Amino acid sequence: MSFSAQQFASRQRGLTIVELMIAMLIGAFLIGGAIQVFVGNRVMYSFNDGVARIQENARVSLEQIAQTARMSGYRGCFGSVGVFNNLAAPNNVRDDIVNGVQGYDARGTIDGDLYNAAAMDPAPGGNPADWVPALPVELRNLVIPGSDVLMLRGATGPVVPLVAPFSDPNQIFVDPGHGFVAGDLLVTADCQKASLFQLTSVGGAGAAEALVHGGSGGYSPGNGTTTWPTDQDYGFGSEVSRYQAYAFYVGQGASGRPSLFQLRLQLTAGGANAFVAEELVEGIDTMQIRYGVDTDNDEDIDNWLSGNAVVNWTQVLSVEVSLLSRSAEEYGTETDQAIYNLGTVRFDPVDDRRFRQVFSTTIGIRNRLP
């Protein structure tokens, strides 16, 4: 018996098991390839995103520090002048505008040291003696061990000129629109001297407004010297500006991860000038600082020193800040076993799968450079 082509075609229906298995195998290969491409692209995207984030975090961090550091020690005049501190209960951490730059060096991070991080997300250190000099009360239980602290103080803009009358020992006068409010800490200067005081009230005197510096006015710390003696007389050419004080450090962020913080002196709702901690950037493992010091007063840097080795902080002309920035999340399979160089310090983080990179900048102190 024979079948015609038409009869054979009519009986050909569906696929055989062998054909189906071959099709499934080919499909599995295609799907596997697509998954591999997807996973590879996702890993690459995560890597690139992590790199971009740590670069952005480091850039923002260094810019914030540099902007404040450049003006540290400024006393209302580009030059070193003596400062009268008229505040009640003087406090060196808050008031020391003469030593506008000051550092606290973490033990174990001196030149050439290798510091091994104790944890991936370490808690702030409770022993102030783990830094040299020992951390003041304002910074205790805030800083992660193995990270330096940079303290910066000085007058900051805008600079407002004084106007007549100049003969009142209880107040100085400026034109309206100055922006100062009662409770502000201010610095007035004439390039021969400067005075630090708290503004207790703002009053009118014709076309000028009076900045009163008598007593406390209900603000803290208040003024210990309410009536200025003649050696604090200011005339034409004198200026007044706000006073600022900051500490930059690495602490434990809201997420539990290490972050760059600033401890900023500010007027609180209760009328007190107090230091308030503010988280700036997440993902900073450590900050290491060196100081360019002019030891022979020739306006040129003679040596770069760690904070523990600086004897006279008024001799600091430049600050070198190094940050170790890391990605927010772990990715891939490779463990980071690298040791990172930050200045002259070697830092070994806990081995994880995060990407890290060192960023450094050198900042000139404008008030002290020629």
Protein backbone atom coordinates (compact mmCIF):
# COMPACT_ATOMS: atom_id res chain seq x y z
CA MET A 1 0.00 0.00 0.00
CA SER A 2 1.29 3.51 -0.75
CA PHE A 3 0.25 6.98 0.49
CA SER A 4 0.10 10.11 -1.48
CA ALA A 5 1.96 13.25 -0.33
CA GLN A 6 -1.36 14.82 0.53
CA GLN A 7 -2.36 11.86 2.72
CA PHE A 8 1.03 11.91 4.52
CA ALA A 9 0.79 15.63 5.19
CA SER A 10 -2.67 15.22 6.64
CA ARG A 11 -1.32 12.75 9.19
CA GLN A 12 1.66 14.98 10.25
CA ARG A 13 0.41 16.66 13.44
CA GLY A 14 2.33 18.29 16.44
CA LEU A 15 5.93 17.65 17.48
CA THR A 16 7.70 14.54 18.56
CA ILE A 17 9.18 14.24 22.05
CA VAL A 18 12.68 14.54 20.59
CA GLU A 19 11.81 17.72 18.72
CA LEU A 20 10.19 19.20 21.81
CA MET A 21 13.22 18.43 23.97
CA ILE A 22 15.53 19.99 21.40
CA ALA A 23 13.39 23.13 21.28
CA MET A 24 13.33 23.36 25.07
CA LEU A 25 17.09 22.93 25.22
CA ILE A 26 17.63 25.72 22.69
CA GLY A 27 15.19 27.93 24.60
CA ALA A 28 16.99 27.23 27.87
CA PHE A 29 20.29 28.26 26.29
CA LEU A 30 18.74 31.49 24.99
CA ILE A 31 17.08 32.31 28.33
CA GLY A 32 20.29 31.50 30.21
CA GLY A 33 22.22 33.82 27.96
CA ALA A 34 19.68 36.59 28.47
CA ILE A 35 19.80 36.11 32.24
CA GLN A 36 23.59 36.23 32.17
CA VAL A 37 23.53 39.49 30.22
CA PHE A 38 20.93 40.93 32.63
CA VAL A 39 22.91 39.94 35.73
CA GLY A 40 26.13 41.28 34.22
CA ASN A 41 24.48 44.59 33.34
CA ARG A 42 22.94 44.83 36.79
CA VAL A 43 26.31 44.23 38.50
CA MET A 44 27.95 46.80 36.23
CA TYR A 45 25.17 49.30 36.92
CA SER A 46 25.50 48.73 40.68
CA PHE A 47 29.28 49.15 40.43
CA ASN A 48 29.03 52.36 38.42
CA ASP A 49 26.32 53.71 40.71
CA GLY A 50 28.45 52.89 43.77
CA VAL A 51 31.49 54.62 42.25
CA ALA A 52 29.43 57.70 41.36
CA ARG A 53 27.95 57.90 44.85
CA ILE A 54 31.25 57.65 46.70
CA GLN A 55 32.79 60.26 44.39
CA GLU A 56 29.87 62.59 44.96
CA ASN A 57 29.95 62.00 48.72
CA ALA A 58 33.67 62.74 48.86
CA ARG A 59 33.34 65.85 46.69
CA VAL A 60 30.55 67.28 48.86
CA SER A 61 32.46 66.43 52.04
CA LEU A 62 35.72 68.04 50.94
CA GLU A 63 33.98 71.15 49.61
CA GLN A 64 32.12 71.62 52.88
CA ILE A 65 35.31 71.29 54.93
CA ALA A 66 37.36 73.46 52.55
CA GLN A 67 34.85 76.29 52.51
CA THR A 68 34.96 76.54 56.30
CA ALA A 69 38.69 75.89 56.68
CA ARG A 70 39.74 78.66 54.30
CA MET A 71 38.18 81.28 56.57
CA SER A 72 39.26 79.76 59.88
CA GLY A 73 41.06 82.16 62.17
CA TYR A 74 39.59 85.16 60.35
CA ARG A 75 39.17 88.02 62.81
CA GLY A 76 37.51 90.63 60.66
CA CYS A 77 40.80 91.45 58.97
CA PHE A 78 43.22 89.45 56.84
CA GLY A 79 46.03 89.50 59.35
CA SER A 80 46.69 88.40 62.89
CA VAL A 81 45.29 90.84 65.42
CA GLY A 82 44.72 90.48 69.14
CA VAL A 83 41.22 89.48 70.22
CA PHE A 84 39.27 90.69 73.25
CA ASN A 85 36.94 87.92 74.37
CA ASN A 86 34.00 89.67 76.05
CA LEU A 87 31.85 86.57 76.46
CA ALA A 88 30.87 85.34 79.89
CA ALA A 89 32.35 81.99 81.00
CA PRO A 90 35.00 81.81 78.25
CA ASN A 91 35.29 78.40 76.61
CA ASN A 92 38.34 77.53 74.50
CA VAL A 93 36.50 75.04 72.31
CA ARG A 94 33.84 77.61 71.52
CA ASP A 95 35.75 80.91 71.63
CA ASP A 96 39.38 80.33 70.63
CA ILE A 97 39.40 82.39 67.45
CA VAL A 98 43.17 82.97 67.75
CA ASN A 99 43.78 79.23 67.34
CA GLY A 100 41.26 79.14 64.52
CA VAL A 101 42.53 75.73 63.37
CA GLN A 102 42.93 72.88 65.82
CA GLY A 103 43.02 69.11 65.48
CA TYR A 104 42.49 66.00 67.55
CA ASP A 105 44.56 63.09 66.28
CA ALA A 106 43.21 59.56 66.74
CA ARG A 107 45.65 57.25 68.48
CA GLY A 108 47.00 54.59 66.15
CA THR A 109 46.87 56.95 63.16
CA ILE A 110 50.20 58.72 63.56
CA ASP A 111 52.65 58.88 60.65
CA GLY A 112 53.31 55.39 59.28
CA ASP A 113 50.78 53.65 61.53
CA LEU A 114 48.54 50.85 60.28
CA TYR A 115 45.07 51.15 61.75
CA ASN A 116 42.80 48.10 61.64
CA ALA A 117 39.11 48.97 61.82
CA ALA A 118 37.39 47.09 64.64
CA ALA A 119 34.05 46.72 62.85
CA MET A 120 32.33 47.36 59.55
CA ASP A 121 30.09 49.95 61.24
CA PRO A 122 31.94 50.90 64.44
CA ALA A 123 30.29 52.70 67.32
CA PRO A 124 31.59 56.07 68.58
CA GLY A 125 34.47 55.84 71.03
CA GLY A 126 33.76 56.43 74.68
CA ASN A 127 37.31 57.15 75.81
CA PRO A 128 38.38 60.76 75.11
CA ALA A 129 42.01 59.72 75.67
CA ASP A 130 41.87 57.77 72.39
CA TRP A 131 42.64 61.13 70.76
CA VAL A 132 45.58 63.51 71.23
CA PRO A 133 44.83 65.89 72.78
CA ALA A 134 41.92 64.26 74.58
CA LEU A 135 38.52 65.07 73.11
CA PRO A 136 36.68 67.91 74.87
CA VAL A 137 33.25 67.40 76.41
CA GLU A 138 31.53 68.75 73.31
CA LEU A 139 32.88 65.88 71.16
CA ARG A 140 32.81 62.94 73.54
CA ASN A 141 30.85 59.84 72.51
CA LEU A 142 30.43 61.24 69.00
CA VAL A 143 33.58 60.29 67.08
CA ILE A 144 34.38 56.87 65.63
CA PRO A 145 37.81 55.57 66.80
CA GLY A 146 40.58 55.77 64.22
CA SER A 147 39.34 59.03 62.70
CA ASP A 148 40.76 62.51 63.27
CA VAL A 149 38.78 65.61 64.24
CA LEU A 150 39.20 69.08 62.70
CA MET A 151 38.12 72.12 64.72
CA LEU A 152 37.64 75.42 62.85
CA ARG A 153 36.72 78.85 64.25
CA GLY A 154 36.56 82.36 62.89
CA ALA A 155 34.50 85.30 61.68
CA THR A 156 32.40 84.76 58.58
CA GLY A 157 30.64 87.01 56.08
CA PRO A 158 28.82 89.11 55.31
CA VAL A 159 31.07 91.85 56.68
CA VAL A 160 29.14 94.96 57.76
CA PRO A 161 30.87 98.35 58.24
CA LEU A 162 30.37 100.30 61.47
CA VAL A 163 28.87 103.76 61.24
CA ALA A 164 28.78 106.78 63.57
CA PRO A 165 28.34 107.38 66.43
CA PHE A 166 31.49 105.63 67.69
CA SER A 167 31.53 106.93 71.26
CA ASP A 168 29.07 104.58 73.02
CA PRO A 169 30.85 101.92 75.16
CA ASN A 170 27.70 99.74 75.38
CA GLN A 171 26.85 99.39 71.70
CA ILE A 172 28.10 99.77 68.15
CA PHE A 173 26.15 101.06 65.16
CA VAL A 174 25.50 99.79 61.63
CA ASP A 175 23.15 100.64 58.80
CA PRO A 176 19.82 98.78 58.61
CA GLY A 177 19.68 95.53 56.64
CA HIS A 178 22.63 93.93 58.41
CA GLY A 179 20.77 90.67 59.12
CA PHE A 180 22.06 90.19 62.68
CA VAL A 181 19.61 89.03 65.36
CA ALA A 182 19.74 89.15 69.14
CA GLY A 183 21.70 86.20 70.50
CA ASP A 184 24.21 86.09 67.62
CA LEU A 185 27.90 85.88 68.45
CA LEU A 186 29.72 88.65 66.58
CA VAL A 187 33.26 89.88 65.93
CA THR A 188 34.07 93.53 65.32
CA ALA A 189 37.54 94.55 64.15
CA ASP A 190 39.61 97.43 62.76
CA CYS A 191 42.76 95.49 61.67
CA GLN A 192 44.50 96.50 64.89
CA LYS A 193 42.28 94.60 67.29
CA ALA A 194 39.08 92.56 67.37
CA SER A 195 36.33 92.00 69.94
CA LEU A 196 34.19 88.90 70.35
CA PHE A 197 30.78 89.48 71.94
CA GLN A 198 27.14 88.42 72.00
CA LEU A 199 24.49 90.67 70.51
CA THR A 200 21.87 91.08 73.24
CA SER A 201 19.46 93.42 71.42
CA VAL A 202 19.06 95.56 68.31
CA GLY A 203 17.89 99.14 68.74
CA GLY A 204 17.35 102.24 66.60
CA ALA A 205 19.39 105.44 66.64
CA GLY A 206 18.24 107.63 63.78
CA ALA A 207 19.41 106.25 60.44
CA ALA A 208 21.64 103.68 62.15
CA GLU A 209 20.79 100.63 64.24
CA ALA A 210 22.49 99.87 67.54
CA LEU A 211 24.02 96.46 68.21
CA VAL A 212 23.88 96.27 72.00
CA HIS A 213 26.45 94.13 73.83
CA GLY A 214 25.49 94.76 77.44
CA GLY A 215 24.70 91.89 79.84
CA SER A 216 22.99 88.78 78.53
CA GLY A 217 19.56 89.91 77.36
CA GLY A 218 18.35 86.44 78.31
CA TYR A 219 20.78 84.78 75.88
CA SER A 220 23.69 82.44 76.58
CA PRO A 221 26.60 82.69 77.18
CA GLY A 222 26.02 86.44 77.60
CA ASN A 223 28.71 89.07 77.97
CA GLY A 224 31.15 89.20 80.87
CA THR A 225 32.35 92.64 79.74
CA THR A 226 29.29 94.80 79.15
CA THR A 227 30.84 98.26 78.94
CA TRP A 228 33.88 98.23 76.68
CA PRO A 229 36.95 100.14 77.90
CA THR A 230 38.74 102.61 75.66
CA ASP A 231 41.13 99.97 74.32
CA GLN A 232 38.09 98.52 72.53
CA ASP A 233 37.08 101.75 70.81
CA TYR A 234 36.24 101.33 67.11
CA GLY A 235 36.00 104.13 64.52
CA PHE A 236 35.74 104.63 60.77
CA GLY A 237 36.84 101.58 58.79
CA SER A 238 35.80 99.11 61.49
CA GLU A 239 33.61 96.14 60.57
CA VAL A 240 31.45 93.51 62.25
CA SER A 241 30.57 89.97 61.18
CA ARG A 242 29.21 86.75 62.61
CA TYR A 243 31.38 84.30 64.53
CA GLN A 244 31.36 80.61 63.64
CA ALA A 245 32.84 77.45 65.16
CA TYR A 246 32.74 73.98 63.62
CA ALA A 247 34.14 70.53 64.30
CA PHE A 248 34.27 67.99 61.45
CA TYR A 249 34.46 64.32 62.38
CA VAL A 250 33.35 60.81 61.37
CA GLY A 251 30.52 59.51 63.54
CA GLN A 252 27.72 56.97 63.40
CA GLY A 253 24.95 58.08 61.07
CA ALA A 254 21.22 57.59 61.38
CA SER A 255 21.52 54.41 59.30
CA GLY A 256 24.16 52.99 61.65
CA ARG A 257 26.88 53.46 59.03
CA PRO A 258 29.86 55.80 59.43
CA SER A 259 29.17 59.32 58.18
CA LEU A 260 30.84 62.70 58.05
CA PHE A 261 29.38 65.07 60.63
CA GLN A 262 29.78 68.71 61.49
CA LEU A 263 29.35 69.95 65.03
CA ARG A 264 28.16 73.51 64.45
CA LEU A 265 27.86 76.33 66.96
CA GLN A 266 24.40 77.84 66.52
CA LEU A 267 21.77 79.85 68.28
CA THR A 268 19.16 77.40 69.56
CA ALA A 269 15.46 78.02 70.13
CA GLY A 270 16.17 78.42 73.84
CA GLY A 271 18.48 81.38 73.23
CA ALA A 272 21.72 79.52 73.90
CA ASN A 273 24.71 79.27 71.59
CA ALA A 274 25.42 75.55 71.64
CA PHE A 275 27.09 72.93 69.46
CA VAL A 276 24.62 70.85 67.46
CA ALA A 277 25.68 67.71 65.54
CA GLU A 278 24.57 67.53 61.90
CA GLU A 279 25.06 64.53 59.62
CA LEU A 280 26.46 65.64 56.26
CA VAL A 281 27.42 62.64 54.12
CA GLU A 282 27.03 58.88 54.61
CA GLY A 283 29.71 56.33 53.77
CA ILE A 284 32.94 57.89 55.10
CA ASP A 285 35.03 55.22 56.82
CA THR A 286 37.70 57.55 58.20
CA MET A 287 39.16 61.05 57.97
CA GLN A 288 42.89 61.67 58.36
CA ILE A 289 44.41 65.14 58.63
CA ARG A 290 47.88 66.64 58.37
CA TYR A 291 48.87 70.24 58.99
CA GLY A 292 51.33 72.40 57.06
CA VAL A 293 53.26 74.30 59.72
CA ASP A 294 55.47 77.38 59.42
CA THR A 295 57.92 76.94 62.30
CA ASP A 296 60.24 79.87 61.50
CA ASN A 297 57.62 82.55 60.70
CA ASP A 298 58.76 83.07 57.09
CA GLU A 299 55.21 82.50 55.73
CA ASP A 300 56.29 79.23 54.14
CA ILE A 301 55.44 75.68 55.18
CA ASP A 302 58.40 73.96 56.82
CA ASN A 303 56.83 70.64 57.74
CA TRP A 304 53.69 68.54 57.49
CA LEU A 305 52.66 67.20 60.88
CA SER A 306 49.96 65.05 62.43
CA GLY A 307 47.79 66.79 64.98
CA ASN A 308 49.59 65.26 67.94
CA ALA A 309 52.86 66.87 66.82
CA VAL A 310 51.62 70.44 66.32
CA VAL A 311 52.88 72.64 69.15
CA ASN A 312 51.61 76.06 68.05
CA TRP A 313 48.33 76.05 66.12
CA THR A 314 48.78 79.65 65.00
CA GLN A 315 51.65 78.39 62.80
CA VAL A 316 49.34 76.21 60.68
CA LEU A 317 49.14 77.60 57.13
CA SER A 318 47.46 74.68 55.33
CA VAL A 319 45.40 71.60 56.10
CA GLU A 320 45.52 68.32 54.17
CA VAL A 321 42.29 66.34 54.50
CA SER A 322 42.04 62.71 53.34
CA LEU A 323 38.78 60.75 53.33
CA LEU A 324 38.10 57.06 52.72
CA SER A 325 34.71 56.91 51.01
CA ARG A 326 32.80 53.67 50.49
CA SER A 327 29.74 52.47 48.59
CA ALA A 328 26.48 52.23 50.50
CA GLU A 329 25.88 48.57 49.69
CA GLU A 330 27.92 45.45 49.05
CA TYR A 331 27.94 43.98 45.56
CA GLY A 332 29.60 41.22 43.56
CA THR A 333 31.56 38.37 45.10
CA GLU A 334 35.06 39.77 45.56
CA THR A 335 36.10 40.84 49.06
CA ASP A 336 37.89 44.15 49.58
CA GLN A 337 41.16 43.14 51.24
CA ALA A 338 43.05 46.33 50.34
CA ILE A 339 44.93 48.60 52.74
CA TYR A 340 44.39 52.28 51.94
CA ASN A 341 46.91 55.09 52.24
CA LEU A 342 45.54 58.34 53.62
CA GLY A 343 48.43 60.76 53.80
CA THR A 344 51.02 58.89 55.84
CA VAL A 345 48.48 56.64 57.58
CA ARG A 346 47.51 53.16 56.39
CA PHE A 347 43.92 52.15 57.06
CA ASP A 348 42.61 48.58 56.85
CA PRO A 349 38.79 48.39 56.88
CA VAL A 350 36.90 45.21 57.71
CA ASP A 351 36.95 42.99 54.62
CA ASP A 352 33.58 43.21 52.92
CA ARG A 353 32.29 43.54 49.34
CA ARG A 354 32.04 47.34 49.25
CA PHE A 355 33.95 49.54 46.83
CA ARG A 356 36.24 52.15 48.43
CA GLN A 357 38.35 55.06 47.26
CA VAL A 358 40.61 57.67 48.90
CA PHE A 359 40.06 61.37 48.23
CA SER A 360 42.36 64.17 49.41
CA THR A 361 42.59 67.93 49.21
CA THR A 362 44.94 70.60 50.55
CA ILE A 363 43.35 73.78 51.90
CA GLY A 364 45.20 77.05 52.40
CA ILE A 365 44.25 79.17 55.44
CA ARG A 366 43.62 82.53 53.78
CA ASN A 367 44.09 84.58 56.91
CA ARG A 368 47.64 83.24 57.33
CA LEU A 369 48.98 82.97 53.79
CA PRO A 370 51.14 85.78 52.35
